[in-house]
Amino acid sequence: MQNKIINDQGSNPGFIQNDEKILYLEDRIKKLGEICTDLNPYMAIPEDFKLRLREFNIMEFSDPFKITNALLILLEDTIDELHILKPFNDN
């Protein structure tokens, strides 16, 4: 499949970049979703969890509800960006 994509892209190298960006965005959505699922705003945030948050430039850990809001905004923005490159099919 990879060879076919490369061979088909002789005149359109942007297609490969879009595919890479789509894969990146899909992975980011998965990671953000897992963090949202795992985050418990009523408990102290463990150090290993803080590392996961730092991946997304969340550095302030004193207010778990602000963290939750920041994660949801990141998730929504990432989904929106993905839908620009890979439109959602309502059917």
PDB file of N, CA and C in Angstrom:
ATOM      1  N   MET A   1       0.832  -1.199   0.000  1.00  0.00           N
ATOM      2  CA  MET A   1       0.000   0.000   0.000  1.00  0.00           C
ATOM      3  C   MET A   1       0.869   1.253   0.000  1.00  0.00           C
ATOM      4  N   GLN A   2       1.930   1.260   0.821  1.00  0.00           N
ATOM      5  CA  GLN A   2       2.806   2.423   0.888  1.00  0.00           C
ATOM      6  C   GLN A   2       3.420   2.731  -0.474  1.00  0.00           C
ATOM      7  N   ASN A   3       3.876   1.690  -1.193  1.00  0.00           N
ATOM      8  CA  ASN A   3       4.451   1.910  -2.516  1.00  0.00           C
ATOM      9  C   ASN A   3       3.432   2.510  -3.469  1.00  0.00           C
ATOM     10  N   LYS A   4       2.194   2.045  -3.392  1.00  0.00           N
ATOM     11  CA  LYS A   4       1.147   2.589  -4.256  1.00  0.00           C
ATOM     12  C   LYS A   4       0.947   4.067  -3.956  1.00  0.00           C
ATOM     13  N   ILE A   5       0.932   4.432  -2.678  1.00  0.00           N
ATOM     14  CA  ILE A   5       0.745   5.838  -2.318  1.00  0.00           C
ATOM     15  C   ILE A   5       1.894   6.666  -2.874  1.00  0.00           C
ATOM     16  N   ILE A   6       3.110   6.188  -2.703  1.00  0.00           N
ATOM     17  CA  ILE A   6       4.264   6.932  -3.192  1.00  0.00           C
ATOM     18  C   ILE A   6       4.206   7.035  -4.712  1.00  0.00           C
ATOM     19  N   ASN A   7       3.903   5.935  -5.402  1.00  0.00           N
ATOM     20  CA  ASN A   7       3.834   5.956  -6.861  1.00  0.00           C
ATOM     21  C   ASN A   7       2.720   6.866  -7.362  1.00  0.00           C
ATOM     22  N   ASP A   8       1.619   6.924  -6.655  1.00  0.00           N
ATOM     23  CA  ASP A   8       0.496   7.764  -7.069  1.00  0.00           C
ATOM     24  C   ASP A   8       0.757   9.241  -6.810  1.00  0.00           C
ATOM     25  N   GLN A   9       1.805   9.555  -6.046  1.00  0.00           N
ATOM     26  CA  GLN A   9       2.008  10.929  -5.616  1.00  0.00           C
ATOM     27  C   GLN A   9       3.079  11.677  -6.388  1.00  0.00           C
ATOM     28  N   GLY A  10       3.493  11.150  -7.516  1.00  0.00           N
ATOM     29  CA  GLY A  10       4.535  11.816  -8.281  1.00  0.00           C
ATOM     30  C   GLY A  10       4.254  13.291  -8.526  1.00  0.00           C
ATOM     31  N   SER A  11       3.026  13.643  -8.789  1.00  0.00           N
ATOM     32  CA  SER A  11       2.697  15.034  -9.081  1.00  0.00           C
ATOM     33  C   SER A  11       2.014  15.742  -7.917  1.00  0.00           C
ATOM     34  N   ASN A  12       1.784  15.039  -6.807  1.00  0.00           N
ATOM     35  CA  ASN A  12       1.082  15.646  -5.678  1.00  0.00           C
ATOM     36  C   ASN A  12       1.691  15.197  -4.358  1.00  0.00           C
ATOM     37  N   PRO A  13       2.886  15.703  -4.009  1.00  0.00           N
ATOM     38  CA  PRO A  13       3.518  15.290  -2.758  1.00  0.00           C
ATOM     39  C   PRO A  13       2.745  15.749  -1.518  1.00  0.00           C
ATOM     40  N   GLY A  14       1.861  16.708  -1.647  1.00  0.00           N
ATOM     41  CA  GLY A  14       1.065  17.165  -0.507  1.00  0.00           C
ATOM     42  C   GLY A  14       0.140  16.087   0.013  1.00  0.00           C
ATOM     43  N   PHE A  15      -0.215  15.130  -0.819  1.00  0.00           N
ATOM     44  CA  PHE A  15      -1.107  14.049  -0.401  1.00  0.00           C
ATOM     45  C   PHE A  15      -0.479  13.223   0.707  1.00  0.00           C
ATOM     46  N   ILE A  16       0.814  12.919   0.583  1.00  0.00           N
ATOM     47  CA  ILE A  16       1.500  12.157   1.621  1.00  0.00           C
ATOM     48  C   ILE A  16       1.527  12.966   2.908  1.00  0.00           C
ATOM     49  N   GLN A  17       1.798  14.246   2.805  1.00  0.00           N
ATOM     50  CA  GLN A  17       1.814  15.097   3.991  1.00  0.00           C
ATOM     51  C   GLN A  17       0.450  15.100   4.660  1.00  0.00           C
ATOM     52  N   ASN A  18      -0.620  15.144   3.877  1.00  0.00           N
ATOM     53  CA  ASN A  18      -1.961  15.109   4.453  1.00  0.00           C
ATOM     54  C   ASN A  18      -2.223  13.785   5.156  1.00  0.00           C
ATOM     55  N   ASP A  19      -1.793  12.680   4.538  1.00  0.00           N
ATOM     56  CA  ASP A  19      -1.970  11.371   5.174  1.00  0.00           C
ATOM     57  C   ASP A  19      -1.230  11.312   6.505  1.00  0.00           C
ATOM     58  N   GLU A  20      -0.010  11.829   6.535  1.00  0.00           N
ATOM     59  CA  GLU A  20       0.761  11.851   7.779  1.00  0.00           C
ATOM     60  C   GLU A  20       0.063  12.723   8.821  1.00  0.00           C
ATOM     61  N   LYS A  21      -0.433  13.854   8.397  1.00  0.00           N
ATOM     62  CA  LYS A  21      -1.135  14.767   9.309  1.00  0.00           C
ATOM     63  C   LYS A  21      -2.408  14.108   9.846  1.00  0.00           C
ATOM     64  N   ILE A  22      -3.133  13.399   8.999  1.00  0.00           N
ATOM     65  CA  ILE A  22      -4.341  12.697   9.425  1.00  0.00           C
ATOM     66  C   ILE A  22      -3.995  11.650  10.472  1.00  0.00           C
ATOM     67  N   LEU A  23      -2.952  10.876  10.225  1.00  0.00           N
ATOM     68  CA  LEU A  23      -2.530   9.860  11.202  1.00  0.00           C
ATOM     69  C   LEU A  23      -2.113  10.504  12.515  1.00  0.00           C
ATOM     70  N   TYR A  24      -1.391  11.623  12.429  1.00  0.00           N
ATOM     71  CA  TYR A  24      -0.987  12.356  13.632  1.00  0.00           C
ATOM     72  C   TYR A  24      -2.217  12.840  14.419  1.00  0.00           C
ATOM     73  N   LEU A  25      -3.164  13.420  13.712  1.00  0.00           N
ATOM     74  CA  LEU A  25      -4.366  13.937  14.377  1.00  0.00           C
ATOM     75  C   LEU A  25      -5.191  12.815  14.993  1.00  0.00           C
ATOM     76  N   GLU A  26      -5.314  11.690  14.287  1.00  0.00           N
ATOM     77  CA  GLU A  26      -6.062  10.564  14.830  1.00  0.00           C
ATOM     78  C   GLU A  26      -5.390  10.021  16.086  1.00  0.00           C
ATOM     79  N   ASP A  27      -4.068   9.958  16.073  1.00  0.00           N
ATOM     80  CA  ASP A  27      -3.333   9.504  17.259  1.00  0.00           C
ATOM     81  C   ASP A  27      -3.504  10.494  18.410  1.00  0.00           C
ATOM     82  N   ARG A  28      -3.465  11.776  18.091  1.00  0.00           N
ATOM     83  CA  ARG A  28      -3.636  12.824  19.111  1.00  0.00           C
ATOM     84  C   ARG A  28      -5.033  12.730  19.742  1.00  0.00           C
ATOM     85  N   ILE A  29      -6.040  12.503  18.920  1.00  0.00           N
ATOM     86  CA  ILE A  29      -7.407  12.360  19.429  1.00  0.00           C
ATOM     87  C   ILE A  29      -7.499  11.161  20.360  1.00  0.00           C
ATOM     88  N   LYS A  30      -6.865  10.067  19.971  1.00  0.00           N
ATOM     89  CA  LYS A  30      -6.873   8.872  20.817  1.00  0.00           C
ATOM     90  C   LYS A  30      -6.210   9.153  22.164  1.00  0.00           C
ATOM     91  N   LYS A  31      -5.042   9.791  22.140  1.00  0.00           N
ATOM     92  CA  LYS A  31      -4.322  10.102  23.386  1.00  0.00           C
ATOM     93  C   LYS A  31      -5.126  11.054  24.265  1.00  0.00           C
ATOM     94  N   LEU A  32      -5.686  12.098  23.657  1.00  0.00           N
ATOM     95  CA  LEU A  32      -6.488  13.049  24.425  1.00  0.00           C
ATOM     96  C   LEU A  32      -7.721  12.376  25.019  1.00  0.00           C
ATOM     97  N   GLY A  33      -8.355  11.509  24.254  1.00  0.00           N
ATOM     98  CA  GLY A  33      -9.520  10.780  24.752  1.00  0.00           C
ATOM     99  C   GLY A  33      -9.164   9.896  25.939  1.00  0.00           C
ATOM    100  N   GLU A  34      -8.022   9.228  25.850  1.00  0.00           N
ATOM    101  CA  GLU A  34      -7.583   8.376  26.964  1.00  0.00           C
ATOM    102  C   GLU A  34      -7.299   9.200  28.204  1.00  0.00           C
ATOM    103  N   ILE A  35      -6.661  10.349  28.023  1.00  0.00           N
ATOM    104  CA  ILE A  35      -6.383  11.219  29.167  1.00  0.00           C
ATOM    105  C   ILE A  35      -7.684  11.706  29.781  1.00  0.00           C
ATOM    106  N   CYS A  36      -8.636  12.126  28.946  1.00  0.00           N
ATOM    107  CA  CYS A  36      -9.931  12.591  29.461  1.00  0.00           C
ATOM    108  C   CYS A  36     -10.637  11.482  30.241  1.00  0.00           C
ATOM    109  N   THR A  37     -10.541  10.268  29.747  1.00  0.00           N
ATOM    110  CA  THR A  37     -11.176   9.136  30.422  1.00  0.00           C
ATOM    111  C   THR A  37     -10.503   8.825  31.749  1.00  0.00           C
ATOM    112  N   ASP A  38      -9.174   8.922  31.767  1.00  0.00           N
ATOM    113  CA  ASP A  38      -8.409   8.542  32.958  1.00  0.00           C
ATOM    114  C   ASP A  38      -8.357   9.622  34.028  1.00  0.00           C
ATOM    115  N   LEU A  39      -8.560  10.866  33.649  1.00  0.00           N
ATOM    116  CA  LEU A  39      -8.437  11.962  34.613  1.00  0.00           C
ATOM    117  C   LEU A  39      -9.588  11.946  35.611  1.00  0.00           C
ATOM    118  N   ASN A  40      -9.236  11.956  36.882  1.00  0.00           N
ATOM    119  CA  ASN A  40     -10.226  12.050  37.947  1.00  0.00           C
ATOM    120  C   ASN A  40      -9.996  13.385  38.650  1.00  0.00           C
ATOM    121  N   PRO A  41     -10.851  14.374  38.416  1.00  0.00           N
ATOM    122  CA  PRO A  41     -10.626  15.704  38.991  1.00  0.00           C
ATOM    123  C   PRO A  41     -10.772  15.755  40.518  1.00  0.00           C
ATOM    124  N   TYR A  42     -11.191  14.672  41.135  1.00  0.00           N
ATOM    125  CA  TYR A  42     -11.372  14.649  42.579  1.00  0.00           C
ATOM    126  C   TYR A  42     -10.191  14.031  43.314  1.00  0.00           C
ATOM    127  N   MET A  43      -9.175  13.597  42.549  1.00  0.00           N
ATOM    128  CA  MET A  43      -8.003  12.991  43.171  1.00  0.00           C
ATOM    129  C   MET A  43      -6.748  13.760  42.751  1.00  0.00           C
ATOM    130  N   ALA A  44      -5.700  13.633  43.552  1.00  0.00           N
ATOM    131  CA  ALA A  44      -4.423  14.246  43.196  1.00  0.00           C
ATOM    132  C   ALA A  44      -3.917  13.621  41.889  1.00  0.00           C
ATOM    133  N   ILE A  45      -3.248  14.430  41.097  1.00  0.00           N
ATOM    134  CA  ILE A  45      -2.752  13.960  39.801  1.00  0.00           C
ATOM    135  C   ILE A  45      -1.393  13.296  40.008  1.00  0.00           C
ATOM    136  N   PRO A  46      -1.286  12.024  39.661  1.00  0.00           N
ATOM    137  CA  PRO A  46      -0.005  11.323  39.815  1.00  0.00           C
ATOM    138  C   PRO A  46       1.063  11.889  38.877  1.00  0.00           C
ATOM    139  N   GLU A  47       2.326  11.716  39.230  1.00  0.00           N
ATOM    140  CA  GLU A  47       3.437  12.254  38.448  1.00  0.00           C
ATOM    141  C   GLU A  47       3.455  11.714  37.016  1.00  0.00           C
ATOM    142  N   ASP A  48       3.190  10.426  36.835  1.00  0.00           N
ATOM    143  CA  ASP A  48       3.208   9.875  35.479  1.00  0.00           C
ATOM    144  C   ASP A  48       2.096  10.473  34.622  1.00  0.00           C
ATOM    145  N   PHE A  49       0.995  10.819  35.253  1.00  0.00           N
ATOM    146  CA  PHE A  49      -0.105  11.447  34.531  1.00  0.00           C
ATOM    147  C   PHE A  49       0.271  12.875  34.136  1.00  0.00           C
ATOM    148  N   LYS A  50       1.031  13.551  35.006  1.00  0.00           N
ATOM    149  CA  LYS A  50       1.486  14.908  34.684  1.00  0.00           C
ATOM    150  C   LYS A  50       2.358  14.901  33.428  1.00  0.00           C
ATOM    151  N   LEU A  51       3.149  13.853  33.254  1.00  0.00           N
ATOM    152  CA  LEU A  51       3.970  13.735  32.048  1.00  0.00           C
ATOM    153  C   LEU A  51       3.097  13.667  30.799  1.00  0.00           C
ATOM    154  N   ARG A  52       2.014  12.923  30.905  1.00  0.00           N
ATOM    155  CA  ARG A  52       1.074  12.826  29.768  1.00  0.00           C
ATOM    156  C   ARG A  52       0.471  14.194  29.454  1.00  0.00           C
ATOM    157  N   LEU A  53       0.158  14.958  30.491  1.00  0.00           N
ATOM    158  CA  LEU A  53      -0.415  16.287  30.295  1.00  0.00           C
ATOM    159  C   LEU A  53       0.600  17.254  29.693  1.00  0.00           C
ATOM    160  N   ARG A  54       1.852  17.120  30.117  1.00  0.00           N
ATOM    161  CA  ARG A  54       2.901  17.999  29.584  1.00  0.00           C
ATOM    162  C   ARG A  54       3.083  17.808  28.081  1.00  0.00           C
ATOM    163  N   GLU A  55       2.787  16.618  27.578  1.00  0.00           N
ATOM    164  CA  GLU A  55       2.855  16.380  26.131  1.00  0.00           C
ATOM    165  C   GLU A  55       1.985  17.373  25.368  1.00  0.00           C
ATOM    166  N   PHE A  56       0.940  17.848  26.027  1.00  0.00           N
ATOM    167  CA  PHE A  56      -0.017  18.761  25.402  1.00  0.00           C
ATOM    168  C   PHE A  56       0.113  20.179  25.963  1.00  0.00           C
ATOM    169  N   ASN A  57       1.291  20.473  26.519  1.00  0.00           N
ATOM    170  CA  ASN A  57       1.618  21.795  27.065  1.00  0.00           C
ATOM    171  C   ASN A  57       0.689  22.214  28.199  1.00  0.00           C
ATOM    172  N   ILE A  58       0.186  21.274  28.938  1.00  0.00           N
ATOM    173  CA  ILE A  58      -0.569  21.575  30.152  1.00  0.00           C
ATOM    174  C   ILE A  58       0.421  21.454  31.291  1.00  0.00           C
ATOM    175  N   MET A  59       0.754  22.607  31.901  1.00  0.00           N
ATOM    176  CA  MET A  59       1.820  22.647  32.892  1.00  0.00           C
ATOM    177  C   MET A  59       1.326  23.008  34.292  1.00  0.00           C
ATOM    178  N   GLU A  60       0.125  23.506  34.367  1.00  0.00           N
ATOM    179  CA  GLU A  60      -0.446  23.926  35.653  1.00  0.00           C
ATOM    180  C   GLU A  60      -1.387  22.839  36.138  1.00  0.00           C
ATOM    181  N   PHE A  61      -1.098  22.294  37.317  1.00  0.00           N
ATOM    182  CA  PHE A  61      -1.841  21.134  37.811  1.00  0.00           C
ATOM    183  C   PHE A  61      -2.664  21.414  39.074  1.00  0.00           C
ATOM    184  N   SER A  62      -2.779  22.671  39.447  1.00  0.00           N
ATOM    185  CA  SER A  62      -3.462  22.979  40.706  1.00  0.00           C
ATOM    186  C   SER A  62      -4.991  22.919  40.603  1.00  0.00           C
ATOM    187  N   ASP A  63      -5.540  23.082  39.405  1.00  0.00           N
ATOM    188  CA  ASP A  63      -6.991  23.080  39.242  1.00  0.00           C
ATOM    189  C   ASP A  63      -7.399  22.020  38.217  1.00  0.00           C
ATOM    190  N   PRO A  64      -7.798  20.835  38.684  1.00  0.00           N
ATOM    191  CA  PRO A  64      -8.154  19.748  37.763  1.00  0.00           C
ATOM    192  C   PRO A  64      -9.305  20.094  36.814  1.00  0.00           C
ATOM    193  N   PHE A  65     -10.181  20.991  37.225  1.00  0.00           N
ATOM    194  CA  PHE A  65     -11.292  21.360  36.348  1.00  0.00           C
ATOM    195  C   PHE A  65     -10.797  22.223  35.180  1.00  0.00           C
ATOM    196  N   LYS A  66      -9.792  23.065  35.407  1.00  0.00           N
ATOM    197  CA  LYS A  66      -9.182  23.823  34.309  1.00  0.00           C
ATOM    198  C   LYS A  66      -8.459  22.869  33.365  1.00  0.00           C
ATOM    199  N   ILE A  67      -7.835  21.844  33.925  1.00  0.00           N
ATOM    200  CA  ILE A  67      -7.158  20.837  33.102  1.00  0.00           C
ATOM    201  C   ILE A  67      -8.178  20.141  32.217  1.00  0.00           C
ATOM    202  N   THR A  68      -9.302  19.762  32.800  1.00  0.00           N
ATOM    203  CA  THR A  68     -10.364  19.086  32.039  1.00  0.00           C
ATOM    204  C   THR A  68     -10.852  19.977  30.910  1.00  0.00           C
ATOM    205  N   ASN A  69     -11.076  21.245  31.202  1.00  0.00           N
ATOM    206  CA  ASN A  69     -11.531  22.177  30.164  1.00  0.00           C
ATOM    207  C   ASN A  69     -10.494  22.334  29.064  1.00  0.00           C
ATOM    208  N   ALA A  70      -9.220  22.443  29.447  1.00  0.00           N
ATOM    209  CA  ALA A  70      -8.152  22.573  28.453  1.00  0.00           C
ATOM    210  C   ALA A  70      -8.091  21.332  27.566  1.00  0.00           C
ATOM    211  N   LEU A  71      -8.230  20.158  28.178  1.00  0.00           N
ATOM    212  CA  LEU A  71      -8.219  18.913  27.401  1.00  0.00           C
ATOM    213  C   LEU A  71      -9.381  18.854  26.415  1.00  0.00           C
ATOM    214  N   LEU A  72     -10.546  19.253  26.860  1.00  0.00           N
ATOM    215  CA  LEU A  72     -11.711  19.226  25.981  1.00  0.00           C
ATOM    216  C   LEU A  72     -11.565  20.205  24.821  1.00  0.00           C
ATOM    217  N   ILE A  73     -10.982  21.361  25.081  1.00  0.00           N
ATOM    218  CA  ILE A  73     -10.748  22.332  24.004  1.00  0.00           C
ATOM    219  C   ILE A  73      -9.732  21.775  23.010  1.00  0.00           C
ATOM    220  N   LEU A  74      -8.650  21.181  23.523  1.00  0.00           N
ATOM    221  CA  LEU A  74      -7.649  20.566  22.643  1.00  0.00           C
ATOM    222  C   LEU A  74      -8.279  19.457  21.806  1.00  0.00           C
ATOM    223  N   LEU A  75      -9.103  18.650  22.438  1.00  0.00           N
ATOM    224  CA  LEU A  75      -9.756  17.546  21.737  1.00  0.00           C
ATOM    225  C   LEU A  75     -10.682  18.080  20.644  1.00  0.00           C
ATOM    226  N   GLU A  76     -11.475  19.064  20.981  1.00  0.00           N
ATOM    227  CA  GLU A  76     -12.402  19.648  20.001  1.00  0.00           C
ATOM    228  C   GLU A  76     -11.652  20.286  18.835  1.00  0.00           C
ATOM    229  N   ASP A  77     -10.595  21.033  19.135  1.00  0.00           N
ATOM    230  CA  ASP A  77      -9.810  21.678  18.073  1.00  0.00           C
ATOM    231  C   ASP A  77      -9.145  20.642  17.165  1.00  0.00           C
ATOM    232  N   THR A  78      -8.653  19.560  17.763  1.00  0.00           N
ATOM    233  CA  THR A  78      -8.004  18.507  16.982  1.00  0.00           C
ATOM    234  C   THR A  78      -9.008  17.792  16.090  1.00  0.00           C
ATOM    235  N   ILE A  79     -10.191  17.521  16.621  1.00  0.00           N
ATOM    236  CA  ILE A  79     -11.249  16.887  15.819  1.00  0.00           C
ATOM    237  C   ILE A  79     -11.650  17.799  14.664  1.00  0.00           C
ATOM    238  N   ASP A  80     -11.790  19.086  14.943  1.00  0.00           N
ATOM    239  CA  ASP A  80     -12.130  20.040  13.882  1.00  0.00           C
ATOM    240  C   ASP A  80     -11.066  20.052  12.788  1.00  0.00           C
ATOM    241  N   GLU A  81      -9.798  20.054  13.192  1.00  0.00           N
ATOM    242  CA  GLU A  81      -8.702  20.053  12.220  1.00  0.00           C
ATOM    243  C   GLU A  81      -8.710  18.770  11.389  1.00  0.00           C
ATOM    244  N   LEU A  82      -8.989  17.640  12.040  1.00  0.00           N
ATOM    245  CA  LEU A  82      -9.060  16.374  11.325  1.00  0.00           C
ATOM    246  C   LEU A  82     -10.190  16.388  10.305  1.00  0.00           C
ATOM    247  N   HIS A  83     -11.326  16.937  10.678  1.00  0.00           N
ATOM    248  CA  HIS A  83     -12.478  16.954   9.769  1.00  0.00           C
ATOM    249  C   HIS A  83     -12.251  17.853   8.554  1.00  0.00           C
ATOM    250  N   ILE A  84     -11.332  18.784   8.657  1.00  0.00           N
ATOM    251  CA  ILE A  84     -10.983  19.596   7.487  1.00  0.00           C
ATOM    252  C   ILE A  84     -10.230  18.737   6.480  1.00  0.00           C
ATOM    253  N   LEU A  85      -9.307  17.912   6.988  1.00  0.00           N
ATOM    254  CA  LEU A  85      -8.503  17.061   6.110  1.00  0.00           C
ATOM    255  C   LEU A  85      -9.227  15.786   5.698  1.00  0.00           C
ATOM    256  N   LYS A  86     -10.100  15.313   6.567  1.00  0.00           N
ATOM    257  CA  LYS A  86     -10.812  14.056   6.333  1.00  0.00           C
ATOM    258  C   LYS A  86     -12.267  14.278   6.734  1.00  0.00           C
ATOM    259  N   PRO A  87     -13.053  14.810   5.805  1.00  0.00           N
ATOM    260  CA  PRO A  87     -14.451  15.157   6.130  1.00  0.00           C
ATOM    261  C   PRO A  87     -15.216  13.984   6.709  1.00  0.00           C
ATOM    262  N   PHE A  88     -16.058  14.285   7.670  1.00  0.00           N
ATOM    263  CA  PHE A  88     -16.894  13.291   8.325  1.00  0.00           C
ATOM    264  C   PHE A  88     -18.042  12.916   7.406  1.00  0.00           C
ATOM    265  N   ASN A  89     -18.327  11.639   7.302  1.00  0.00           N
ATOM    266  CA  ASN A  89     -19.425  11.160   6.467  1.00  0.00           C
ATOM    267  C   ASN A  89     -20.621  10.893   7.368  1.00  0.00           C
ATOM    268  N   ASP A  90     -21.705  11.638   7.193  1.00  0.00           N
ATOM    269  CA  ASP A  90     -22.904  11.500   8.040  1.00  0.00           C
ATOM    270  C   ASP A  90     -23.721  10.267   7.719  1.00  0.00           C
ATOM    271  N   ASN A  91     -23.467   9.636   6.599  1.00  0.00           N
ATOM    272  CA  ASN A  91     -24.290   8.494   6.178  1.00  0.00           C
ATOM    273  C   ASN A  91     -24.013   7.265   6.968  1.00  0.00           C
TER     274      ASN A  91
END
